[in-house]
């Protein structure tokens, strides 16, 4: 299951906490006396260098934050936001309740509460995603503002992750066949119009094409790339596919690299004929662009017989003759 956790951090407390325990991770050795031995051992195994990015939430009014914290799954992607943008993220590596440690790290807020419902983060990195773009991807109204600690449902989480290609190391391999089967079965239900969002079956297609590997070969240039730099592309434009074609994971997709091949194919400057020959459009007139296209695209590719009708559609309808 893909899960996004929203963690707004715009007030003075949150900004200070992010600097103190995320930007500068907590030294485990310095707080050993505040952590239960079993939890300490677990954190040490997850963070061998002894430096652990930590965060926490207060119980909230009537325990609301605690209830949400209990829903957070290991592997969830936490988004930190302030000033109308998402500026950072991290993956939940561990969860633990520790009031004493929270007070030691962050003291208490004006009401006397502390951020005791805690989690440790791996893969912390910076982002720069506006609320507007976030809302567009997740299906919120344009003026929606992230307020309060919250856990997104699976559909919104999936839509956001696919749009910004944030799966990274969080993808579980091999993919769970039941998850893929369920995604295919629920295409009609999940095929809601999130503007500028790839549909849920994109993940199933990507998993099918990569087959559990962290890397793969771009069909059009033949080069091997990390999965981060590969797109699970529809050979035939998705919006023109029938329901059965969308479900034809074996034949409808191909891996294209983000270093030119996907863009060239999507815009119709290259295509593939029935024999597997890669054809190049004469409409690309810029000498620099044409030279780059010629340098990366290979002469021919191996295609399955069942893929030929999909490539034929692209050649007839999208290729710029």
C-alpha atoms as a PDB file:
ATOM      1  CA  UNK A   1       0.000   0.000   0.000  1.00  0.00           C
ATOM      2  CA  UNK A   2       1.220   3.501  -0.906  1.00  0.00           C
ATOM      3  CA  UNK A   3       0.695   6.045   1.867  1.00  0.00           C
ATOM      4  CA  UNK A   4       1.360   9.776   2.127  1.00  0.00           C
ATOM      5  CA  UNK A   5       1.530  11.567   5.482  1.00  0.00           C
ATOM      6  CA  UNK A   6       1.048  15.335   5.564  1.00  0.00           C
ATOM      7  CA  UNK A   7       3.164  17.066   8.176  1.00  0.00           C
ATOM      8  CA  UNK A   8       2.732  20.858   8.031  1.00  0.00           C
ATOM      9  CA  UNK A   9       5.584  22.545   9.876  1.00  0.00           C
ATOM     10  CA  UNK A  10       5.179  26.264   9.468  1.00  0.00           C
ATOM     11  CA  UNK A  11       5.057  27.534  13.056  1.00  0.00           C
ATOM     12  CA  UNK A  12       8.123  28.478  15.091  1.00  0.00           C
ATOM     13  CA  UNK A  13       8.140  25.204  17.025  1.00  0.00           C
ATOM     14  CA  UNK A  14       8.037  23.063  13.914  1.00  0.00           C
ATOM     15  CA  UNK A  15      10.726  25.049  12.115  1.00  0.00           C
ATOM     16  CA  UNK A  16      13.040  24.699  15.113  1.00  0.00           C
ATOM     17  CA  UNK A  17      12.267  20.999  15.459  1.00  0.00           C
ATOM     18  CA  UNK A  18      12.988  20.332  11.782  1.00  0.00           C
ATOM     19  CA  UNK A  19      16.366  22.012  12.117  1.00  0.00           C
ATOM     20  CA  UNK A  20      17.214  20.298  15.412  1.00  0.00           C
ATOM     21  CA  UNK A  21      16.170  16.720  14.736  1.00  0.00           C
ATOM     22  CA  UNK A  22      15.714  16.295  10.961  1.00  0.00           C
ATOM     23  CA  UNK A  23      18.300  18.559   9.363  1.00  0.00           C
ATOM     24  CA  UNK A  24      20.673  17.636  12.206  1.00  0.00           C
ATOM     25  CA  UNK A  25      19.697  14.039  13.077  1.00  0.00           C
ATOM     26  CA  UNK A  26      19.587  12.918  16.705  1.00  0.00           C
ATOM     27  CA  UNK A  27      22.731  11.193  17.980  1.00  0.00           C
ATOM     28  CA  UNK A  28      21.444   7.928  19.416  1.00  0.00           C
ATOM     29  CA  UNK A  29      24.286   7.699  21.912  1.00  0.00           C
ATOM     30  CA  UNK A  30      23.257  11.030  23.450  1.00  0.00           C
ATOM     31  CA  UNK A  31      19.692   9.887  24.213  1.00  0.00           C
ATOM     32  CA  UNK A  32      20.283   6.227  25.039  1.00  0.00           C
ATOM     33  CA  UNK A  33      19.040   6.663  28.606  1.00  0.00           C
ATOM     34  CA  UNK A  34      15.714   7.999  27.273  1.00  0.00           C
ATOM     35  CA  UNK A  35      14.981   5.057  24.973  1.00  0.00           C
ATOM     36  CA  UNK A  36      13.862   1.545  25.833  1.00  0.00           C
ATOM     37  CA  UNK A  37      16.644  -0.993  25.096  1.00  0.00           C
ATOM     38  CA  UNK A  38      14.614  -2.848  22.485  1.00  0.00           C
ATOM     39  CA  UNK A  39      13.739   0.352  20.638  1.00  0.00           C
ATOM     40  CA  UNK A  40      17.327   1.565  20.861  1.00  0.00           C
ATOM     41  CA  UNK A  41      18.595  -1.720  19.380  1.00  0.00           C
ATOM     42  CA  UNK A  42      16.057  -1.514  16.561  1.00  0.00           C
ATOM     43  CA  UNK A  43      16.960   2.091  15.708  1.00  0.00           C
ATOM     44  CA  UNK A  44      20.648   1.237  15.794  1.00  0.00           C
ATOM     45  CA  UNK A  45      20.083  -1.575  13.305  1.00  0.00           C
ATOM     46  CA  UNK A  46      18.198   0.779  10.988  1.00  0.00           C
ATOM     47  CA  UNK A  47      20.715   3.631  11.344  1.00  0.00           C
ATOM     48  CA  UNK A  48      24.171   2.038  11.807  1.00  0.00           C
ATOM     49  CA  UNK A  49      25.873   5.450  11.914  1.00  0.00           C
ATOM     50  CA  UNK A  50      23.874   6.278  15.039  1.00  0.00           C
ATOM     51  CA  UNK A  51      22.278   9.406  13.550  1.00  0.00           C
ATOM     52  CA  UNK A  52      18.486   9.280  13.407  1.00  0.00           C
ATOM     53  CA  UNK A  53      16.172  11.927  11.916  1.00  0.00           C
ATOM     54  CA  UNK A  54      13.229  12.070  14.352  1.00  0.00           C
ATOM     55  CA  UNK A  55       9.827  13.716  14.395  1.00  0.00           C
ATOM     56  CA  UNK A  56       6.726  13.540  16.509  1.00  0.00           C
ATOM     57  CA  UNK A  57       3.203  14.825  16.991  1.00  0.00           C
ATOM     58  CA  UNK A  58       1.312  15.858  20.113  1.00  0.00           C
ATOM     59  CA  UNK A  59      -1.700  13.739  21.112  1.00  0.00           C
ATOM     60  CA  UNK A  60      -3.960  16.487  19.771  1.00  0.00           C
ATOM     61  CA  UNK A  61      -7.358  17.504  21.019  1.00  0.00           C
ATOM     62  CA  UNK A  62      -9.282  14.431  22.212  1.00  0.00           C
ATOM     63  CA  UNK A  63      -6.436  12.242  20.914  1.00  0.00           C
ATOM     64  CA  UNK A  64      -6.996  13.040  17.247  1.00  0.00           C
ATOM     65  CA  UNK A  65      -3.330  13.125  16.268  1.00  0.00           C
ATOM     66  CA  UNK A  66      -2.653   9.902  18.133  1.00  0.00           C
ATOM     67  CA  UNK A  67      -5.374   8.148  16.143  1.00  0.00           C
ATOM     68  CA  UNK A  68      -3.860   9.383  12.890  1.00  0.00           C
ATOM     69  CA  UNK A  69      -0.354   8.426  14.032  1.00  0.00           C
ATOM     70  CA  UNK A  70      -1.579   4.880  14.657  1.00  0.00           C
ATOM     71  CA  UNK A  71      -2.666   4.679  10.996  1.00  0.00           C
ATOM     72  CA  UNK A  72       0.804   5.605   9.710  1.00  0.00           C
ATOM     73  CA  UNK A  73       2.494   2.578   8.165  1.00  0.00           C
ATOM     74  CA  UNK A  74       6.187   1.798   7.971  1.00  0.00           C
ATOM     75  CA  UNK A  75       7.353   2.907   4.526  1.00  0.00           C
ATOM     76  CA  UNK A  76       4.927   5.829   4.367  1.00  0.00           C
ATOM     77  CA  UNK A  77       6.248   8.988   2.733  1.00  0.00           C
ATOM     78  CA  UNK A  78       6.025  12.021   5.043  1.00  0.00           C
ATOM     79  CA  UNK A  79       5.730  15.433   3.367  1.00  0.00           C
ATOM     80  CA  UNK A  80       6.881  18.511   5.282  1.00  0.00           C
ATOM     81  CA  UNK A  81       5.238  21.755   4.239  1.00  0.00           C
ATOM     82  CA  UNK A  82       5.371  25.480   5.009  1.00  0.00           C
ATOM     83  CA  UNK A  83       4.935  28.763   3.141  1.00  0.00           C
ATOM     84  CA  UNK A  84       2.572  27.257   0.566  1.00  0.00           C
ATOM     85  CA  UNK A  85       4.948  24.534  -0.584  1.00  0.00           C
ATOM     86  CA  UNK A  86       6.194  21.059   0.277  1.00  0.00           C
ATOM     87  CA  UNK A  87       9.868  21.502   1.047  1.00  0.00           C
ATOM     88  CA  UNK A  88      11.026  18.097   2.258  1.00  0.00           C
ATOM     89  CA  UNK A  89      10.150  14.453   2.687  1.00  0.00           C
ATOM     90  CA  UNK A  90      11.284  11.275   4.390  1.00  0.00           C
ATOM     91  CA  UNK A  91      10.264   7.628   4.676  1.00  0.00           C
ATOM     92  CA  UNK A  92       8.939   6.268   7.986  1.00  0.00           C
ATOM     93  CA  UNK A  93      11.479   3.693   9.154  1.00  0.00           C
ATOM     94  CA  UNK A  94      10.234   3.201  12.738  1.00  0.00           C
ATOM     95  CA  UNK A  95       7.440   4.317  15.076  1.00  0.00           C
ATOM     96  CA  UNK A  96       7.531   4.572  18.859  1.00  0.00           C
ATOM     97  CA  UNK A  97       5.805   6.337  21.730  1.00  0.00           C
ATOM     98  CA  UNK A  98       8.245   8.137  24.045  1.00  0.00           C
ATOM     99  CA  UNK A  99       7.105  11.119  26.087  1.00  0.00           C
ATOM    100  CA  UNK A 100      10.383  11.464  27.984  1.00  0.00           C
ATOM    101  CA  UNK A 101      12.458  11.563  24.809  1.00  0.00           C
ATOM    102  CA  UNK A 102      10.090  14.063  23.190  1.00  0.00           C
ATOM    103  CA  UNK A 103      10.383  16.410  26.179  1.00  0.00           C
ATOM    104  CA  UNK A 104      14.160  16.049  26.102  1.00  0.00           C
ATOM    105  CA  UNK A 105      14.339  16.898  22.412  1.00  0.00           C
ATOM    106  CA  UNK A 106      11.595  19.500  22.063  1.00  0.00           C
ATOM    107  CA  UNK A 107      10.328  20.460  25.535  1.00  0.00           C
ATOM    108  CA  UNK A 108       6.564  21.214  25.573  1.00  0.00           C
ATOM    109  CA  UNK A 109       4.180  23.543  23.780  1.00  0.00           C
ATOM    110  CA  UNK A 110       2.230  26.346  25.545  1.00  0.00           C
ATOM    111  CA  UNK A 111      -0.503  23.902  26.540  1.00  0.00           C
ATOM    112  CA  UNK A 112       1.998  21.596  28.205  1.00  0.00           C
ATOM    113  CA  UNK A 113       1.783  18.879  25.533  1.00  0.00           C
ATOM    114  CA  UNK A 114       4.837  17.353  23.917  1.00  0.00           C
ATOM    115  CA  UNK A 115       5.393  15.617  20.594  1.00  0.00           C
ATOM    116  CA  UNK A 116       5.447  12.136  22.100  1.00  0.00           C
ATOM    117  CA  UNK A 117       3.993  10.075  19.237  1.00  0.00           C
ATOM    118  CA  UNK A 118       7.232   9.743  17.367  1.00  0.00           C
ATOM    119  CA  UNK A 119       8.710   8.279  14.211  1.00  0.00           C
ATOM    120  CA  UNK A 120      12.179   7.949  12.678  1.00  0.00           C
ATOM    121  CA  UNK A 121      12.790   8.882   9.053  1.00  0.00           C
ATOM    122  CA  UNK A 122      15.051   7.459   6.376  1.00  0.00           C
ATOM    123  CA  UNK A 123      15.802   8.866   2.901  1.00  0.00           C
ATOM    124  CA  UNK A 124      15.265  12.476   3.978  1.00  0.00           C
ATOM    125  CA  UNK A 125      15.532  14.845   1.042  1.00  0.00           C
ATOM    126  CA  UNK A 126      14.507  18.299  -0.111  1.00  0.00           C
ATOM    127  CA  UNK A 127      11.526  18.982  -2.372  1.00  0.00           C
ATOM    128  CA  UNK A 128      10.044  22.083  -3.946  1.00  0.00           C
ATOM    129  CA  UNK A 129       6.394  21.363  -4.758  1.00  0.00           C
ATOM    130  CA  UNK A 130       3.831  24.129  -4.554  1.00  0.00           C
ATOM    131  CA  UNK A 131       0.485  23.586  -2.856  1.00  0.00           C
ATOM    132  CA  UNK A 132      -1.114  24.248  -6.227  1.00  0.00           C
ATOM    133  CA  UNK A 133       0.790  21.366  -7.854  1.00  0.00           C
ATOM    134  CA  UNK A 134       0.150  19.125  -4.854  1.00  0.00           C
ATOM    135  CA  UNK A 135      -3.573  19.859  -5.004  1.00  0.00           C
ATOM    136  CA  UNK A 136      -3.654  19.204  -8.722  1.00  0.00           C
ATOM    137  CA  UNK A 137      -2.003  15.822  -8.295  1.00  0.00           C
ATOM    138  CA  UNK A 138      -3.945  14.644  -5.244  1.00  0.00           C
ATOM    139  CA  UNK A 139      -7.315  15.842  -6.493  1.00  0.00           C
ATOM    140  CA  UNK A 140      -7.909  18.671  -4.031  1.00  0.00           C
ATOM    141  CA  UNK A 141      -9.410  22.030  -4.930  1.00  0.00           C
ATOM    142  CA  UNK A 142      -6.873  24.578  -6.197  1.00  0.00           C
ATOM    143  CA  UNK A 143      -6.980  26.704  -3.045  1.00  0.00           C
ATOM    144  CA  UNK A 144      -6.740  23.838  -0.566  1.00  0.00           C
ATOM    145  CA  UNK A 145      -4.186  24.532   2.177  1.00  0.00           C
ATOM    146  CA  UNK A 146      -2.443  21.751   4.089  1.00  0.00           C
ATOM    147  CA  UNK A 147      -3.389  22.175   7.730  1.00  0.00           C
ATOM    148  CA  UNK A 148      -2.704  19.724  10.500  1.00  0.00           C
ATOM    149  CA  UNK A 149      -1.114  16.290  10.669  1.00  0.00           C
ATOM    150  CA  UNK A 150      -3.008  13.952   8.344  1.00  0.00           C
ATOM    151  CA  UNK A 151      -2.812  10.652   6.480  1.00  0.00           C
ATOM    152  CA  UNK A 152      -4.010  10.582   2.860  1.00  0.00           C
ATOM    153  CA  UNK A 153      -6.105   7.731   1.519  1.00  0.00           C
ATOM    154  CA  UNK A 154      -4.511   5.277  -0.882  1.00  0.00           C
ATOM    155  CA  UNK A 155      -5.952   6.778  -4.081  1.00  0.00           C
ATOM    156  CA  UNK A 156      -4.686  10.291  -3.322  1.00  0.00           C
ATOM    157  CA  UNK A 157      -1.349   8.924  -2.120  1.00  0.00           C
ATOM    158  CA  UNK A 158      -0.911   6.867  -5.291  1.00  0.00           C
ATOM    159  CA  UNK A 159      -1.856   9.792  -7.521  1.00  0.00           C
ATOM    160  CA  UNK A 160       0.651  12.110  -5.866  1.00  0.00           C
ATOM    161  CA  UNK A 161       3.458   9.518  -5.885  1.00  0.00           C
ATOM    162  CA  UNK A 162       2.947   8.721  -9.570  1.00  0.00           C
ATOM    163  CA  UNK A 163       2.749  12.369 -10.613  1.00  0.00           C
ATOM    164  CA  UNK A 164       6.041  13.324  -8.975  1.00  0.00           C
ATOM    165  CA  UNK A 165       7.718   9.918  -9.402  1.00  0.00           C
ATOM    166  CA  UNK A 166       8.541   9.673  -5.704  1.00  0.00           C
ATOM    167  CA  UNK A 167       8.350   5.910  -5.333  1.00  0.00           C
ATOM    168  CA  UNK A 168      12.127   5.499  -5.285  1.00  0.00           C
ATOM    169  CA  UNK A 169      13.345   2.970  -2.753  1.00  0.00           C
ATOM    170  CA  UNK A 170       9.892   2.692  -1.229  1.00  0.00           C
ATOM    171  CA  UNK A 171       8.686   0.327  -3.936  1.00  0.00           C
ATOM    172  CA  UNK A 172       8.422  -3.185  -2.558  1.00  0.00           C
ATOM    173  CA  UNK A 173       9.953  -5.859  -4.733  1.00  0.00           C
ATOM    174  CA  UNK A 174       8.799  -8.216  -5.918  1.00  0.00           C
ATOM    175  CA  UNK A 175       5.411  -6.521  -6.306  1.00  0.00           C
ATOM    176  CA  UNK A 176       2.521  -8.102  -4.476  1.00  0.00           C
ATOM    177  CA  UNK A 177       0.511  -9.954  -7.172  1.00  0.00           C
ATOM    178  CA  UNK A 178      -2.694  -9.361  -5.216  1.00  0.00           C
ATOM    179  CA  UNK A 179      -2.095  -5.584  -5.234  1.00  0.00           C
ATOM    180  CA  UNK A 180      -1.547  -5.634  -8.994  1.00  0.00           C
ATOM    181  CA  UNK A 181      -4.630  -7.803  -9.509  1.00  0.00           C
ATOM    182  CA  UNK A 182      -6.726  -5.513  -7.328  1.00  0.00           C
ATOM    183  CA  UNK A 183      -5.504  -2.405  -9.158  1.00  0.00           C
ATOM    184  CA  UNK A 184      -6.464  -3.902 -12.519  1.00  0.00           C
ATOM    185  CA  UNK A 185      -9.874  -5.007 -11.221  1.00  0.00           C
ATOM    186  CA  UNK A 186     -10.614  -1.560  -9.867  1.00  0.00           C
ATOM    187  CA  UNK A 187      -9.571   0.460 -12.917  1.00  0.00           C
ATOM    188  CA  UNK A 188     -13.101   1.732 -13.506  1.00  0.00           C
ATOM    189  CA  UNK A 189     -13.527   2.781  -9.891  1.00  0.00           C
ATOM    190  CA  UNK A 190     -10.102   4.426  -9.659  1.00  0.00           C
ATOM    191  CA  UNK A 191     -10.221   6.084 -13.072  1.00  0.00           C
ATOM    192  CA  UNK A 192     -11.289   9.430 -11.637  1.00  0.00           C
ATOM    193  CA  UNK A 193     -10.221  12.608 -13.346  1.00  0.00           C
ATOM    194  CA  UNK A 194      -7.313  13.851 -11.303  1.00  0.00           C
ATOM    195  CA  UNK A 195      -5.925  16.507 -13.631  1.00  0.00           C
ATOM    196  CA  UNK A 196      -2.336  15.923 -14.731  1.00  0.00           C
ATOM    197  CA  UNK A 197      -2.209  12.630 -12.838  1.00  0.00           C
ATOM    198  CA  UNK A 198      -1.165   9.273 -14.217  1.00  0.00           C
ATOM    199  CA  UNK A 199      -3.770   6.646 -13.477  1.00  0.00           C
ATOM    200  CA  UNK A 200      -3.410   3.923 -10.883  1.00  0.00           C
ATOM    201  CA  UNK A 201      -2.640   1.204 -13.406  1.00  0.00           C
ATOM    202  CA  UNK A 202       0.568   3.074 -14.213  1.00  0.00           C
ATOM    203  CA  UNK A 203       2.070   1.507 -11.105  1.00  0.00           C
ATOM    204  CA  UNK A 204       0.910  -1.955 -12.128  1.00  0.00           C
ATOM    205  CA  UNK A 205       2.359  -1.400 -15.622  1.00  0.00           C
ATOM    206  CA  UNK A 206       5.646  -0.165 -14.152  1.00  0.00           C
ATOM    207  CA  UNK A 207       5.895  -3.149 -11.837  1.00  0.00           C
ATOM    208  CA  UNK A 208       5.188  -5.526 -14.729  1.00  0.00           C
ATOM    209  CA  UNK A 209       7.840  -3.958 -16.952  1.00  0.00           C
ATOM    210  CA  UNK A 210      10.569  -3.780 -14.310  1.00  0.00           C
ATOM    211  CA  UNK A 211       9.825  -7.282 -13.001  1.00  0.00           C
ATOM    212  CA  UNK A 212      11.286  -6.553  -9.589  1.00  0.00           C
ATOM    213  CA  UNK A 213      14.490  -4.985 -10.857  1.00  0.00           C
ATOM    214  CA  UNK A 214      15.891  -1.668  -9.645  1.00  0.00           C
ATOM    215  CA  UNK A 215      17.025  -0.918 -13.196  1.00  0.00           C
ATOM    216  CA  UNK A 216      15.964  -1.613 -16.756  1.00  0.00           C
ATOM    217  CA  UNK A 217      16.672  -1.004 -20.433  1.00  0.00           C
ATOM    218  CA  UNK A 218      15.092   1.795 -22.438  1.00  0.00           C
ATOM    219  CA  UNK A 219      13.471   0.153 -25.457  1.00  0.00           C
ATOM    220  CA  UNK A 220      14.269   3.010 -27.826  1.00  0.00           C
ATOM    221  CA  UNK A 221      17.953   3.614 -27.088  1.00  0.00           C
ATOM    222  CA  UNK A 222      18.883   0.323 -25.436  1.00  0.00           C
ATOM    223  CA  UNK A 223      20.713   1.938 -22.527  1.00  0.00           C
ATOM    224  CA  UNK A 224      20.376   0.656 -18.967  1.00  0.00           C
ATOM    225  CA  UNK A 225      19.139   3.086 -16.312  1.00  0.00           C
ATOM    226  CA  UNK A 226      18.103   3.050 -12.676  1.00  0.00           C
ATOM    227  CA  UNK A 227      14.334   2.743 -12.331  1.00  0.00           C
ATOM    228  CA  UNK A 228      14.180   6.405 -11.234  1.00  0.00           C
ATOM    229  CA  UNK A 229      15.063   7.413 -14.788  1.00  0.00           C
ATOM    230  CA  UNK A 230      12.649   5.131 -16.625  1.00  0.00           C
ATOM    231  CA  UNK A 231       9.030   5.796 -17.580  1.00  0.00           C
ATOM    232  CA  UNK A 232       6.456   3.049 -17.954  1.00  0.00           C
ATOM    233  CA  UNK A 233       5.103   4.386 -21.237  1.00  0.00           C
ATOM    234  CA  UNK A 234       1.983   3.351 -23.126  1.00  0.00           C
ATOM    235  CA  UNK A 235       2.862   2.388 -26.707  1.00  0.00           C
ATOM    236  CA  UNK A 236      -0.607   3.469 -27.771  1.00  0.00           C
ATOM    237  CA  UNK A 237      -1.885   6.671 -26.168  1.00  0.00           C
ATOM    238  CA  UNK A 238      -3.679   5.638 -23.018  1.00  0.00           C
ATOM    239  CA  UNK A 239      -6.741   7.789 -23.597  1.00  0.00           C
ATOM    240  CA  UNK A 240      -7.274   6.003 -26.931  1.00  0.00           C
ATOM    241  CA  UNK A 241      -6.992   2.499 -25.447  1.00  0.00           C
ATOM    242  CA  UNK A 242     -10.027   0.300 -24.900  1.00  0.00           C
ATOM    243  CA  UNK A 243     -10.599  -1.172 -21.456  1.00  0.00           C
ATOM    244  CA  UNK A 244      -9.095  -4.502 -22.518  1.00  0.00           C
ATOM    245  CA  UNK A 245      -6.056  -2.754 -23.995  1.00  0.00           C
ATOM    246  CA  UNK A 246      -5.439  -0.895 -20.731  1.00  0.00           C
ATOM    247  CA  UNK A 247      -5.411  -4.255 -18.998  1.00  0.00           C
ATOM    248  CA  UNK A 248      -2.997  -5.774 -21.521  1.00  0.00           C
ATOM    249  CA  UNK A 249       0.049  -5.180 -19.339  1.00  0.00           C
ATOM    250  CA  UNK A 250       2.184  -7.682 -21.259  1.00  0.00           C
ATOM    251  CA  UNK A 251       1.972  -5.767 -24.531  1.00  0.00           C
ATOM    252  CA  UNK A 252       0.702  -2.214 -24.072  1.00  0.00           C
ATOM    253  CA  UNK A 253       3.760  -0.798 -22.327  1.00  0.00           C
ATOM    254  CA  UNK A 254       7.467  -0.217 -22.759  1.00  0.00           C
ATOM    255  CA  UNK A 255      10.242   1.326 -20.702  1.00  0.00           C
ATOM    256  CA  UNK A 256      11.476   4.685 -22.019  1.00  0.00           C
ATOM    257  CA  UNK A 257      14.272   6.740 -20.498  1.00  0.00           C
ATOM    258  CA  UNK A 258      13.807  10.301 -19.288  1.00  0.00           C
ATOM    259  CA  UNK A 259      16.927  11.413 -21.134  1.00  0.00           C
ATOM    260  CA  UNK A 260      15.114  12.084 -24.376  1.00  0.00           C
ATOM    261  CA  UNK A 261      13.480   8.910 -25.630  1.00  0.00           C
ATOM    262  CA  UNK A 262      10.193   9.266 -23.760  1.00  0.00           C
ATOM    263  CA  UNK A 263       9.771  12.889 -24.826  1.00  0.00           C
ATOM    264  CA  UNK A 264      10.643  12.174 -28.460  1.00  0.00           C
ATOM    265  CA  UNK A 265       8.174   9.273 -28.634  1.00  0.00           C
ATOM    266  CA  UNK A 266       5.432  11.131 -26.772  1.00  0.00           C
ATOM    267  CA  UNK A 267       5.712  14.114 -29.124  1.00  0.00           C
ATOM    268  CA  UNK A 268       5.789  11.927 -32.228  1.00  0.00           C
ATOM    269  CA  UNK A 269       9.343  12.626 -33.366  1.00  0.00           C
ATOM    270  CA  UNK A 270      10.185   8.919 -33.307  1.00  0.00           C
ATOM    271  CA  UNK A 271       8.070   5.815 -33.787  1.00  0.00           C
ATOM    272  CA  UNK A 272       8.473   2.096 -34.518  1.00  0.00           C
ATOM    273  CA  UNK A 273       7.236   0.371 -37.654  1.00  0.00           C
ATOM    274  CA  UNK A 274       5.961  -3.191 -37.995  1.00  0.00           C
ATOM    275  CA  UNK A 275       9.441  -4.620 -38.513  1.00  0.00           C
ATOM    276  CA  UNK A 276      10.819  -3.002 -35.376  1.00  0.00           C
ATOM    277  CA  UNK A 277      12.696  -0.266 -37.213  1.00  0.00           C
ATOM    278  CA  UNK A 278      12.880   3.022 -35.314  1.00  0.00           C
ATOM    279  CA  UNK A 279      11.747   5.786 -37.656  1.00  0.00           C
ATOM    280  CA  UNK A 280      12.655   9.444 -37.139  1.00  0.00           C
ATOM    281  CA  UNK A 281      10.562  12.415 -38.078  1.00  0.00           C
ATOM    282  CA  UNK A 282      11.879  15.062 -40.468  1.00  0.00           C
ATOM    283  CA  UNK A 283       9.842  17.658 -38.561  1.00  0.00           C
ATOM    284  CA  UNK A 284      12.566  18.015 -35.951  1.00  0.00           C
ATOM    285  CA  UNK A 285      14.551  20.706 -37.743  1.00  0.00           C
ATOM    286  CA  UNK A 286      16.803  22.136 -35.022  1.00  0.00           C
ATOM    287  CA  UNK A 287      20.357  20.895 -35.801  1.00  0.00           C
ATOM    288  CA  UNK A 288      21.174  20.453 -32.114  1.00  0.00           C
ATOM    289  CA  UNK A 289      17.978  18.538 -31.349  1.00  0.00           C
ATOM    290  CA  UNK A 290      18.284  16.382 -34.484  1.00  0.00           C
ATOM    291  CA  UNK A 291      21.921  15.570 -33.722  1.00  0.00           C
ATOM    292  CA  UNK A 292      20.991  14.560 -30.162  1.00  0.00           C
ATOM    293  CA  UNK A 293      18.104  12.399 -31.390  1.00  0.00           C
ATOM    294  CA  UNK A 294      20.374  10.659 -33.896  1.00  0.00           C
ATOM    295  CA  UNK A 295      22.978  10.032 -31.195  1.00  0.00           C
ATOM    296  CA  UNK A 296      20.680   8.302 -28.702  1.00  0.00           C
ATOM    297  CA  UNK A 297      18.020   6.444 -30.697  1.00  0.00           C
ATOM    298  CA  UNK A 298      19.025   3.050 -32.009  1.00  0.00           C
ATOM    299  CA  UNK A 299      18.165   1.747 -35.474  1.00  0.00           C
ATOM    300  CA  UNK A 300      15.784  -1.067 -34.520  1.00  0.00           C
ATOM    301  CA  UNK A 301      14.164  -2.744 -31.542  1.00  0.00           C
ATOM    302  CA  UNK A 302      12.711  -6.148 -30.801  1.00  0.00           C
ATOM    303  CA  UNK A 303       8.916  -6.039 -30.459  1.00  0.00           C
ATOM    304  CA  UNK A 304       6.386  -8.758 -29.757  1.00  0.00           C
ATOM    305  CA  UNK A 305       3.813  -9.656 -32.396  1.00  0.00           C
ATOM    306  CA  UNK A 306       1.040  -8.561 -30.051  1.00  0.00           C
ATOM    307  CA  UNK A 307       2.665  -5.131 -29.717  1.00  0.00           C
ATOM    308  CA  UNK A 308       2.619  -4.405 -33.436  1.00  0.00           C
ATOM    309  CA  UNK A 309      -0.974  -3.050 -33.512  1.00  0.00           C
ATOM    310  CA  UNK A 310      -0.125  -0.628 -30.698  1.00  0.00           C
ATOM    311  CA  UNK A 311       2.983   0.642 -32.466  1.00  0.00           C
ATOM    312  CA  UNK A 312       0.992   0.857 -35.705  1.00  0.00           C
ATOM    313  CA  UNK A 313      -1.525   3.112 -33.972  1.00  0.00           C
ATOM    314  CA  UNK A 314       1.268   5.413 -32.778  1.00  0.00           C
ATOM    315  CA  UNK A 315       2.864   5.514 -36.243  1.00  0.00           C
ATOM    316  CA  UNK A 316      -0.441   6.338 -37.924  1.00  0.00           C
ATOM    317  CA  UNK A 317      -1.785   8.798 -35.369  1.00  0.00           C
ATOM    318  CA  UNK A 318       1.086  10.455 -33.511  1.00  0.00           C
ATOM    319  CA  UNK A 319       4.199  10.191 -35.655  1.00  0.00           C
ATOM    320  CA  UNK A 320       5.041  13.467 -37.378  1.00  0.00           C
ATOM    321  CA  UNK A 321       5.595  12.430 -41.006  1.00  0.00           C
END
